[in-house]
Amino acid sequence: MKFKNENAKRLARKNNPPTSKQSAKKMKTKPMQMQVYEIIKSFKNGCISEQVIKKYMKKKPLFETSSITARYSELERLGLIEFAGVKKASTNRNQRIMRAL
């Protein structure tokens, strides 16, 4: 697989304070990319973010959901997942269906 740590410039906005930029440089996204990818891959017919978050939180209940959802675009850029349609979540809002490639 071609997982990689995300570029720090993508993790912190230009107008963020210096402390955020320093934290972004130290952040290792590769392990989380791998975990999120494995969860998406476990759903043979694709899944939505709500399902990924629910399954991830069973392993690590104190994790921020924004850290999970940020991995989706990284995985798409790496060519590891695709977005294929939409499905209603329990909130009655549409979420994109993700599939592992």
PDB file of N, CA and C in Angstrom:
ATOM      1  N   MET A   1       0.832  -1.192   0.000  1.00  0.00           N
ATOM      2  CA  MET A   1       0.000   0.000   0.000  1.00  0.00           C
ATOM      3  C   MET A   1       0.870   1.247   0.000  1.00  0.00           C
ATOM      4  N   LYS A   2       0.304   2.307  -0.459  1.00  0.00           N
ATOM      5  CA  LYS A   2       1.074   3.543  -0.562  1.00  0.00           C
ATOM      6  C   LYS A   2       0.608   4.618   0.419  1.00  0.00           C
ATOM      7  N   PHE A   3       0.495   4.256   1.672  1.00  0.00           N
ATOM      8  CA  PHE A   3       0.138   5.224   2.706  1.00  0.00           C
ATOM      9  C   PHE A   3       1.319   6.154   2.927  1.00  0.00           C
ATOM     10  N   LYS A   4       1.035   7.403   3.303  1.00  0.00           N
ATOM     11  CA  LYS A   4       2.128   8.323   3.618  1.00  0.00           C
ATOM     12  C   LYS A   4       1.633   9.406   4.560  1.00  0.00           C
ATOM     13  N   ASN A   5       2.553   9.974   5.294  1.00  0.00           N
ATOM     14  CA  ASN A   5       2.194  11.078   6.179  1.00  0.00           C
ATOM     15  C   ASN A   5       1.831  12.277   5.334  1.00  0.00           C
ATOM     16  N   GLU A   6       0.748  12.919   5.693  1.00  0.00           N
ATOM     17  CA  GLU A   6       0.265  14.077   4.948  1.00  0.00           C
ATOM     18  C   GLU A   6       1.209  15.254   5.141  1.00  0.00           C
ATOM     19  N   ASN A   7       1.343  16.048   4.098  1.00  0.00           N
ATOM     20  CA  ASN A   7       2.171  17.246   4.134  1.00  0.00           C
ATOM     21  C   ASN A   7       1.613  18.206   5.189  1.00  0.00           C
ATOM     22  N   ALA A   8       2.482  18.736   6.027  1.00  0.00           N
ATOM     23  CA  ALA A   8       2.068  19.638   7.112  1.00  0.00           C
ATOM     24  C   ALA A   8       1.311  20.856   6.583  1.00  0.00           C
ATOM     25  N   LYS A   9       1.618  21.298   5.365  1.00  0.00           N
ATOM     26  CA  LYS A   9       0.926  22.461   4.802  1.00  0.00           C
ATOM     27  C   LYS A   9      -0.551  22.174   4.570  1.00  0.00           C
ATOM     28  N   ARG A  10      -0.909  20.919   4.392  1.00  0.00           N
ATOM     29  CA  ARG A  10      -2.320  20.556   4.217  1.00  0.00           C
ATOM     30  C   ARG A  10      -3.029  20.419   5.569  1.00  0.00           C
ATOM     31  N   LEU A  11      -2.278  20.257   6.629  1.00  0.00           N
ATOM     32  CA  LEU A  11      -2.859  20.029   7.954  1.00  0.00           C
ATOM     33  C   LEU A  11      -3.117  21.310   8.732  1.00  0.00           C
ATOM     34  N   ALA A  12      -2.456  22.397   8.371  1.00  0.00           N
ATOM     35  CA  ALA A  12      -2.651  23.677   9.065  1.00  0.00           C
ATOM     36  C   ALA A  12      -2.935  24.766   8.034  1.00  0.00           C
ATOM     37  N   ARG A  13      -3.883  25.609   8.334  1.00  0.00           N
ATOM     38  CA  ARG A  13      -4.229  26.703   7.430  1.00  0.00           C
ATOM     39  C   ARG A  13      -3.190  27.821   7.522  1.00  0.00           C
ATOM     40  N   LYS A  14      -3.138  28.639   6.493  1.00  0.00           N
ATOM     41  CA  LYS A  14      -2.175  29.745   6.461  1.00  0.00           C
ATOM     42  C   LYS A  14      -2.366  30.714   7.626  1.00  0.00           C
ATOM     43  N   ASN A  15      -3.627  30.918   8.023  1.00  0.00           N
ATOM     44  CA  ASN A  15      -3.899  31.888   9.094  1.00  0.00           C
ATOM     45  C   ASN A  15      -3.896  31.265  10.491  1.00  0.00           C
ATOM     46  N   ASN A  16      -3.527  29.986  10.612  1.00  0.00           N
ATOM     47  CA  ASN A  16      -3.415  29.354  11.926  1.00  0.00           C
ATOM     48  C   ASN A  16      -2.230  29.937  12.691  1.00  0.00           C
ATOM     49  N   PRO A  17      -2.305  29.903  14.008  1.00  0.00           N
ATOM     50  CA  PRO A  17      -1.169  30.386  14.806  1.00  0.00           C
ATOM     51  C   PRO A  17       0.045  29.459  14.634  1.00  0.00           C
ATOM     52  N   PRO A  18       1.234  29.961  14.931  1.00  0.00           N
ATOM     53  CA  PRO A  18       2.456  29.163  14.785  1.00  0.00           C
ATOM     54  C   PRO A  18       2.416  27.832  15.535  1.00  0.00           C
ATOM     55  N   THR A  19       1.733  27.799  16.669  1.00  0.00           N
ATOM     56  CA  THR A  19       1.667  26.548  17.436  1.00  0.00           C
ATOM     57  C   THR A  19       0.947  25.446  16.652  1.00  0.00           C
ATOM     58  N   SER A  20      -0.082  25.821  15.902  1.00  0.00           N
ATOM     59  CA  SER A  20      -0.805  24.845  15.078  1.00  0.00           C
ATOM     60  C   SER A  20       0.080  24.319  13.956  1.00  0.00           C
ATOM     61  N   LYS A  21       0.862  25.210  13.377  1.00  0.00           N
ATOM     62  CA  LYS A  21       1.760  24.809  12.292  1.00  0.00           C
ATOM     63  C   LYS A  21       2.863  23.882  12.817  1.00  0.00           C
ATOM     64  N   GLN A  22       3.345  24.162  14.014  1.00  0.00           N
ATOM     65  CA  GLN A  22       4.358  23.292  14.631  1.00  0.00           C
ATOM     66  C   GLN A  22       3.773  21.909  14.911  1.00  0.00           C
ATOM     67  N   SER A  23       2.550  21.870  15.401  1.00  0.00           N
ATOM     68  CA  SER A  23       1.891  20.586  15.676  1.00  0.00           C
ATOM     69  C   SER A  23       1.665  19.809  14.393  1.00  0.00           C
ATOM     70  N   ALA A  24       1.293  20.506  13.339  1.00  0.00           N
ATOM     71  CA  ALA A  24       1.054  19.845  12.047  1.00  0.00           C
ATOM     72  C   ALA A  24       2.322  19.177  11.532  1.00  0.00           C
ATOM     73  N   LYS A  25       3.462  19.810  11.749  1.00  0.00           N
ATOM     74  CA  LYS A  25       4.731  19.238  11.293  1.00  0.00           C
ATOM     75  C   LYS A  25       5.064  17.939  12.034  1.00  0.00           C
ATOM     76  N   LYS A  26       4.592  17.821  13.270  1.00  0.00           N
ATOM     77  CA  LYS A  26       4.892  16.641  14.077  1.00  0.00           C
ATOM     78  C   LYS A  26       3.858  15.529  13.922  1.00  0.00           C
ATOM     79  N   MET A  27       2.721  15.850  13.320  1.00  0.00           N
ATOM     80  CA  MET A  27       1.645  14.865  13.219  1.00  0.00           C
ATOM     81  C   MET A  27       1.970  13.762  12.224  1.00  0.00           C
ATOM     82  N   LYS A  28       1.726  12.542  12.637  1.00  0.00           N
ATOM     83  CA  LYS A  28       1.939  11.365  11.790  1.00  0.00           C
ATOM     84  C   LYS A  28       0.561  10.835  11.389  1.00  0.00           C
ATOM     85  N   THR A  29       0.188  11.052  10.147  1.00  0.00           N
ATOM     86  CA  THR A  29      -1.138  10.639   9.683  1.00  0.00           C
ATOM     87  C   THR A  29      -1.162   9.230   9.102  1.00  0.00           C
ATOM     88  N   LYS A  30      -0.007   8.706   8.754  1.00  0.00           N
ATOM     89  CA  LYS A  30       0.058   7.393   8.105  1.00  0.00           C
ATOM     90  C   LYS A  30      -0.622   6.278   8.920  1.00  0.00           C
ATOM     91  N   PRO A  31      -0.346   6.132  10.219  1.00  0.00           N
ATOM     92  CA  PRO A  31      -1.005   5.058  10.980  1.00  0.00           C
ATOM     93  C   PRO A  31      -2.529   5.173  10.967  1.00  0.00           C
ATOM     94  N   MET A  32      -3.033   6.389  11.066  1.00  0.00           N
ATOM     95  CA  MET A  32      -4.477   6.576  11.076  1.00  0.00           C
ATOM     96  C   MET A  32      -5.065   6.324   9.687  1.00  0.00           C
ATOM     97  N   GLN A  33      -4.341   6.717   8.636  1.00  0.00           N
ATOM     98  CA  GLN A  33      -4.799   6.412   7.279  1.00  0.00           C
ATOM     99  C   GLN A  33      -4.997   4.914   7.132  1.00  0.00           C
ATOM    100  N   MET A  34      -4.037   4.151   7.613  1.00  0.00           N
ATOM    101  CA  MET A  34      -4.096   2.697   7.507  1.00  0.00           C
ATOM    102  C   MET A  34      -5.312   2.140   8.250  1.00  0.00           C
ATOM    103  N   GLN A  35      -5.561   2.639   9.445  1.00  0.00           N
ATOM    104  CA  GLN A  35      -6.687   2.157  10.249  1.00  0.00           C
ATOM    105  C   GLN A  35      -8.023   2.507   9.594  1.00  0.00           C
ATOM    106  N   VAL A  36      -8.146   3.738   9.127  1.00  0.00           N
ATOM    107  CA  VAL A  36      -9.391   4.170   8.486  1.00  0.00           C
ATOM    108  C   VAL A  36      -9.605   3.382   7.195  1.00  0.00           C
ATOM    109  N   TYR A  37      -8.544   3.175   6.425  1.00  0.00           N
ATOM    110  CA  TYR A  37      -8.649   2.398   5.186  1.00  0.00           C
ATOM    111  C   TYR A  37      -9.137   0.979   5.476  1.00  0.00           C
ATOM    112  N   GLU A  38      -8.583   0.338   6.494  1.00  0.00           N
ATOM    113  CA  GLU A  38      -8.977  -1.030   6.835  1.00  0.00           C
ATOM    114  C   GLU A  38     -10.453  -1.100   7.219  1.00  0.00           C
ATOM    115  N   ILE A  39     -10.940  -0.085   7.902  1.00  0.00           N
ATOM    116  CA  ILE A  39     -12.360  -0.048   8.259  1.00  0.00           C
ATOM    117  C   ILE A  39     -13.209   0.097   6.999  1.00  0.00           C
ATOM    118  N   ILE A  40     -12.848   1.012   6.115  1.00  0.00           N
ATOM    119  CA  ILE A  40     -13.602   1.194   4.875  1.00  0.00           C
ATOM    120  C   ILE A  40     -13.583  -0.098   4.058  1.00  0.00           C
ATOM    121  N   LYS A  41     -12.431  -0.718   3.991  1.00  0.00           N
ATOM    122  CA  LYS A  41     -12.272  -1.969   3.237  1.00  0.00           C
ATOM    123  C   LYS A  41     -13.140  -3.095   3.809  1.00  0.00           C
ATOM    124  N   SER A  42     -13.412  -3.058   5.099  1.00  0.00           N
ATOM    125  CA  SER A  42     -14.201  -4.120   5.731  1.00  0.00           C
ATOM    126  C   SER A  42     -15.663  -4.106   5.298  1.00  0.00           C
ATOM    127  N   PHE A  43     -16.119  -3.014   4.711  1.00  0.00           N
ATOM    128  CA  PHE A  43     -17.487  -2.915   4.209  1.00  0.00           C
ATOM    129  C   PHE A  43     -17.462  -3.253   2.717  1.00  0.00           C
ATOM    130  N   LYS A  44     -17.882  -4.437   2.376  1.00  0.00           N
ATOM    131  CA  LYS A  44     -17.780  -4.933   0.999  1.00  0.00           C
ATOM    132  C   LYS A  44     -18.576  -4.099  -0.003  1.00  0.00           C
ATOM    133  N   ASN A  45     -19.712  -3.531   0.433  1.00  0.00           N
ATOM    134  CA  ASN A  45     -20.557  -2.748  -0.474  1.00  0.00           C
ATOM    135  C   ASN A  45     -20.394  -1.243  -0.264  1.00  0.00           C
ATOM    136  N   GLY A  46     -19.307  -0.844   0.354  1.00  0.00           N
ATOM    137  CA  GLY A  46     -19.081   0.567   0.640  1.00  0.00           C
ATOM    138  C   GLY A  46     -19.687   0.965   1.971  1.00  0.00           C
ATOM    139  N   CYS A  47     -19.341   2.149   2.425  1.00  0.00           N
ATOM    140  CA  CYS A  47     -19.836   2.636   3.710  1.00  0.00           C
ATOM    141  C   CYS A  47     -19.890   4.153   3.699  1.00  0.00           C
ATOM    142  N   ILE A  48     -20.527   4.693   4.715  1.00  0.00           N
ATOM    143  CA  ILE A  48     -20.568   6.139   4.889  1.00  0.00           C
ATOM    144  C   ILE A  48     -19.757   6.500   6.132  1.00  0.00           C
ATOM    145  N   SER A  49     -19.482   7.767   6.276  1.00  0.00           N
ATOM    146  CA  SER A  49     -18.654   8.242   7.383  1.00  0.00           C
ATOM    147  C   SER A  49     -19.200   7.816   8.737  1.00  0.00           C
ATOM    148  N   GLU A  50     -20.502   7.866   8.905  1.00  0.00           N
ATOM    149  CA  GLU A  50     -21.122   7.465  10.162  1.00  0.00           C
ATOM    150  C   GLU A  50     -20.715   6.048  10.560  1.00  0.00           C
ATOM    151  N   GLN A  51     -20.648   5.145   9.596  1.00  0.00           N
ATOM    152  CA  GLN A  51     -20.273   3.755   9.872  1.00  0.00           C
ATOM    153  C   GLN A  51     -18.797   3.641  10.235  1.00  0.00           C
ATOM    154  N   VAL A  52     -17.958   4.400   9.543  1.00  0.00           N
ATOM    155  CA  VAL A  52     -16.518   4.378   9.825  1.00  0.00           C
ATOM    156  C   VAL A  52     -16.261   4.898  11.237  1.00  0.00           C
ATOM    157  N   ILE A  53     -16.864   6.009  11.564  1.00  0.00           N
ATOM    158  CA  ILE A  53     -16.673   6.620  12.883  1.00  0.00           C
ATOM    159  C   ILE A  53     -17.144   5.672  13.985  1.00  0.00           C
ATOM    160  N   LYS A  54     -18.300   5.064  13.800  1.00  0.00           N
ATOM    161  CA  LYS A  54     -18.841   4.145  14.806  1.00  0.00           C
ATOM    162  C   LYS A  54     -17.880   2.980  15.054  1.00  0.00           C
ATOM    163  N   LYS A  55     -17.361   2.415  13.981  1.00  0.00           N
ATOM    164  CA  LYS A  55     -16.452   1.272  14.109  1.00  0.00           C
ATOM    165  C   LYS A  55     -15.108   1.705  14.715  1.00  0.00           C
ATOM    166  N   TYR A  56     -14.598   2.870  14.321  1.00  0.00           N
ATOM    167  CA  TYR A  56     -13.331   3.368  14.855  1.00  0.00           C
ATOM    168  C   TYR A  56     -13.444   3.671  16.344  1.00  0.00           C
ATOM    169  N   MET A  57     -14.557   4.269  16.728  1.00  0.00           N
ATOM    170  CA  MET A  57     -14.746   4.659  18.119  1.00  0.00           C
ATOM    171  C   MET A  57     -14.868   3.460  19.057  1.00  0.00           C
ATOM    172  N   LYS A  58     -15.211   2.296  18.541  1.00  0.00           N
ATOM    173  CA  LYS A  58     -15.237   1.097  19.381  1.00  0.00           C
ATOM    174  C   LYS A  58     -13.830   0.754  19.843  1.00  0.00           C
ATOM    175  N   LYS A  59     -12.835   1.042  18.996  1.00  0.00           N
ATOM    176  CA  LYS A  59     -11.436   0.762  19.333  1.00  0.00           C
ATOM    177  C   LYS A  59     -10.819   1.886  20.166  1.00  0.00           C
ATOM    178  N   LYS A  60     -11.112   3.113  19.765  1.00  0.00           N
ATOM    179  CA  LYS A  60     -10.516   4.286  20.422  1.00  0.00           C
ATOM    180  C   LYS A  60     -11.607   5.308  20.707  1.00  0.00           C
ATOM    181  N   PRO A  61     -12.365   5.124  21.769  1.00  0.00           N
ATOM    182  CA  PRO A  61     -13.551   5.950  22.023  1.00  0.00           C
ATOM    183  C   PRO A  61     -13.302   7.432  22.279  1.00  0.00           C
ATOM    184  N   LEU A  62     -12.107   7.836  22.616  1.00  0.00           N
ATOM    185  CA  LEU A  62     -11.864   9.238  22.935  1.00  0.00           C
ATOM    186  C   LEU A  62     -11.279  10.036  21.764  1.00  0.00           C
ATOM    187  N   PHE A  63     -11.319   9.474  20.591  1.00  0.00           N
ATOM    188  CA  PHE A  63     -10.723  10.135  19.432  1.00  0.00           C
ATOM    189  C   PHE A  63     -11.665  11.184  18.860  1.00  0.00           C
ATOM    190  N   GLU A  64     -11.092  12.248  18.313  1.00  0.00           N
ATOM    191  CA  GLU A  64     -11.880  13.295  17.661  1.00  0.00           C
ATOM    192  C   GLU A  64     -12.356  12.805  16.300  1.00  0.00           C
ATOM    193  N   THR A  65     -13.629  12.963  16.008  1.00  0.00           N
ATOM    194  CA  THR A  65     -14.145  12.510  14.715  1.00  0.00           C
ATOM    195  C   THR A  65     -13.531  13.279  13.555  1.00  0.00           C
ATOM    196  N   SER A  66     -13.155  14.529  13.781  1.00  0.00           N
ATOM    197  CA  SER A  66     -12.543  15.312  12.697  1.00  0.00           C
ATOM    198  C   SER A  66     -11.195  14.725  12.276  1.00  0.00           C
ATOM    199  N   SER A  67     -10.519  14.058  13.172  1.00  0.00           N
ATOM    200  CA  SER A  67      -9.255  13.394  12.821  1.00  0.00           C
ATOM    201  C   SER A  67      -9.503  12.189  11.924  1.00  0.00           C
ATOM    202  N   ILE A  68     -10.650  11.576  12.082  1.00  0.00           N
ATOM    203  CA  ILE A  68     -11.019  10.433  11.248  1.00  0.00           C
ATOM    204  C   ILE A  68     -11.452  10.924   9.872  1.00  0.00           C
ATOM    205  N   THR A  69     -12.370  11.877   9.834  1.00  0.00           N
ATOM    206  CA  THR A  69     -12.921  12.340   8.559  1.00  0.00           C
ATOM    207  C   THR A  69     -11.875  13.027   7.685  1.00  0.00           C
ATOM    208  N   ALA A  70     -10.861  13.598   8.291  1.00  0.00           N
ATOM    209  CA  ALA A  70      -9.795  14.238   7.507  1.00  0.00           C
ATOM    210  C   ALA A  70      -9.011  13.228   6.676  1.00  0.00           C
ATOM    211  N   ARG A  71      -9.032  11.989   7.070  1.00  0.00           N
ATOM    212  CA  ARG A  71      -8.281  10.949   6.350  1.00  0.00           C
ATOM    213  C   ARG A  71      -8.942  10.559   5.031  1.00  0.00           C
ATOM    214  N   TYR A  72     -10.245  10.804   4.874  1.00  0.00           N
ATOM    215  CA  TYR A  72     -10.931  10.386   3.654  1.00  0.00           C
ATOM    216  C   TYR A  72     -10.327  11.033   2.405  1.00  0.00           C
ATOM    217  N   SER A  73     -10.130  12.332   2.444  1.00  0.00           N
ATOM    218  CA  SER A  73      -9.581  13.006   1.255  1.00  0.00           C
ATOM    219  C   SER A  73      -8.145  12.565   0.996  1.00  0.00           C
ATOM    220  N   GLU A  74      -7.397  12.300   2.056  1.00  0.00           N
ATOM    221  CA  GLU A  74      -6.024  11.805   1.876  1.00  0.00           C
ATOM    222  C   GLU A  74      -6.046  10.447   1.178  1.00  0.00           C
ATOM    223  N   LEU A  75      -6.920   9.568   1.626  1.00  0.00           N
ATOM    224  CA  LEU A  75      -7.016   8.229   1.030  1.00  0.00           C
ATOM    225  C   LEU A  75      -7.470   8.312  -0.432  1.00  0.00           C
ATOM    226  N   GLU A  76      -8.352   9.266  -0.718  1.00  0.00           N
ATOM    227  CA  GLU A  76      -8.783   9.448  -2.106  1.00  0.00           C
ATOM    228  C   GLU A  76      -7.615   9.946  -2.965  1.00  0.00           C
ATOM    229  N   ARG A  77      -6.852  10.908  -2.466  1.00  0.00           N
ATOM    230  CA  ARG A  77      -5.686  11.429  -3.210  1.00  0.00           C
ATOM    231  C   ARG A  77      -4.656  10.333  -3.464  1.00  0.00           C
ATOM    232  N   LEU A  78      -4.533   9.398  -2.533  1.00  0.00           N
ATOM    233  CA  LEU A  78      -3.585   8.299  -2.680  1.00  0.00           C
ATOM    234  C   LEU A  78      -4.119   7.194  -3.598  1.00  0.00           C
ATOM    235  N   GLY A  79      -5.365   7.337  -4.042  1.00  0.00           N
ATOM    236  CA  GLY A  79      -5.963   6.345  -4.930  1.00  0.00           C
ATOM    237  C   GLY A  79      -6.374   5.063  -4.231  1.00  0.00           C
ATOM    238  N   LEU A  80      -6.629   5.139  -2.924  1.00  0.00           N
ATOM    239  CA  LEU A  80      -6.977   3.950  -2.152  1.00  0.00           C
ATOM    240  C   LEU A  80      -8.476   3.776  -1.950  1.00  0.00           C
ATOM    241  N   ILE A  81      -9.218   4.881  -2.056  1.00  0.00           N
ATOM    242  CA  ILE A  81     -10.676   4.790  -1.957  1.00  0.00           C
ATOM    243  C   ILE A  81     -11.290   5.636  -3.061  1.00  0.00           C
ATOM    244  N   GLU A  82     -12.583   5.386  -3.294  1.00  0.00           N
ATOM    245  CA  GLU A  82     -13.351   6.214  -4.218  1.00  0.00           C
ATOM    246  C   GLU A  82     -14.673   6.559  -3.557  1.00  0.00           C
ATOM    247  N   PHE A  83     -15.263   7.645  -4.014  1.00  0.00           N
ATOM    248  CA  PHE A  83     -16.585   8.029  -3.547  1.00  0.00           C
ATOM    249  C   PHE A  83     -17.579   7.605  -4.617  1.00  0.00           C
ATOM    250  N   ALA A  84     -18.611   6.880  -4.200  1.00  0.00           N
ATOM    251  CA  ALA A  84     -19.535   6.285  -5.167  1.00  0.00           C
ATOM    252  C   ALA A  84     -20.979   6.488  -4.717  1.00  0.00           C
ATOM    253  N   GLY A  85     -21.491   7.663  -4.922  1.00  0.00           N
ATOM    254  CA  GLY A  85     -22.880   7.933  -4.580  1.00  0.00           C
ATOM    255  C   GLY A  85     -23.064   8.461  -3.175  1.00  0.00           C
ATOM    256  N   VAL A  86     -24.319   8.546  -2.769  1.00  0.00           N
ATOM    257  CA  VAL A  86     -24.657   9.049  -1.431  1.00  0.00           C
ATOM    258  C   VAL A  86     -25.689   8.133  -0.778  1.00  0.00           C
ATOM    259  N   LYS A  87     -25.754   8.224   0.532  1.00  0.00           N
ATOM    260  CA  LYS A  87     -26.694   7.430   1.326  1.00  0.00           C
ATOM    261  C   LYS A  87     -27.085   8.263   2.532  1.00  0.00           C
ATOM    262  N   LYS A  88     -28.304   8.123   2.994  1.00  0.00           N
ATOM    263  CA  LYS A  88     -28.754   8.862   4.178  1.00  0.00           C
ATOM    264  C   LYS A  88     -28.176   8.246   5.445  1.00  0.00           C
ATOM    265  N   ALA A  89     -27.674   9.097   6.312  1.00  0.00           N
ATOM    266  CA  ALA A  89     -27.174   8.677   7.619  1.00  0.00           C
ATOM    267  C   ALA A  89     -28.336   8.680   8.606  1.00  0.00           C
ATOM    268  N   SER A  90     -28.088   8.266   9.830  1.00  0.00           N
ATOM    269  CA  SER A  90     -29.149   8.242  10.848  1.00  0.00           C
ATOM    270  C   SER A  90     -29.657   9.651  11.166  1.00  0.00           C
ATOM    271  N   THR A  91     -28.872  10.666  10.831  1.00  0.00           N
ATOM    272  CA  THR A  91     -29.265  12.063  11.033  1.00  0.00           C
ATOM    273  C   THR A  91     -30.185  12.555   9.924  1.00  0.00           C
ATOM    274  N   ASN A  92     -30.457  11.687   8.956  1.00  0.00           N
ATOM    275  CA  ASN A  92     -31.273  11.983   7.783  1.00  0.00           C
ATOM    276  C   ASN A  92     -30.564  12.926   6.801  1.00  0.00           C
ATOM    277  N   ARG A  93     -29.265  13.061   6.945  1.00  0.00           N
ATOM    278  CA  ARG A  93     -28.457  13.856   6.004  1.00  0.00           C
ATOM    279  C   ARG A  93     -27.704  12.912   5.092  1.00  0.00           C
ATOM    280  N   ASN A  94     -27.481  13.370   3.878  1.00  0.00           N
ATOM    281  CA  ASN A  94     -26.733  12.555   2.927  1.00  0.00           C
ATOM    282  C   ASN A  94     -25.247  12.538   3.265  1.00  0.00           C
ATOM    283  N   GLN A  95     -24.648  11.365   3.132  1.00  0.00           N
ATOM    284  CA  GLN A  95     -23.199  11.209   3.276  1.00  0.00           C
ATOM    285  C   GLN A  95     -22.706  10.433   2.063  1.00  0.00           C
ATOM    286  N   ARG A  96     -21.487  10.733   1.646  1.00  0.00           N
ATOM    287  CA  ARG A  96     -20.930  10.041   0.494  1.00  0.00           C
ATOM    288  C   ARG A  96     -20.584   8.597   0.852  1.00  0.00           C
ATOM    289  N   ILE A  97     -20.827   7.712  -0.096  1.00  0.00           N
ATOM    290  CA  ILE A  97     -20.459   6.310   0.063  1.00  0.00           C
ATOM    291  C   ILE A  97     -19.010   6.163  -0.359  1.00  0.00           C
ATOM    292  N   MET A  98     -18.205   5.511   0.474  1.00  0.00           N
ATOM    293  CA  MET A  98     -16.786   5.293   0.183  1.00  0.00           C
ATOM    294  C   MET A  98     -16.560   3.815  -0.054  1.00  0.00           C
ATOM    295  N   ARG A  99     -15.686   3.525  -1.007  1.00  0.00           N
ATOM    296  CA  ARG A  99     -15.302   2.138  -1.293  1.00  0.00           C
ATOM    297  C   ARG A  99     -13.796   2.043  -1.419  1.00  0.00           C
ATOM    298  N   ALA A 100     -13.242   0.989  -0.865  1.00  0.00           N
ATOM    299  CA  ALA A 100     -11.802   0.718  -1.002  1.00  0.00           C
ATOM    300  C   ALA A 100     -11.539   0.230  -2.411  1.00  0.00           C
ATOM    301  N   LEU A 101     -10.424   0.646  -2.967  1.00  0.00           N
ATOM    302  CA  LEU A 101     -10.022   0.182  -4.311  1.00  0.00           C
ATOM    303  C   LEU A 101      -8.971  -0.904  -4.212  1.00  0.00           C
TER     304      LEU A 101
END
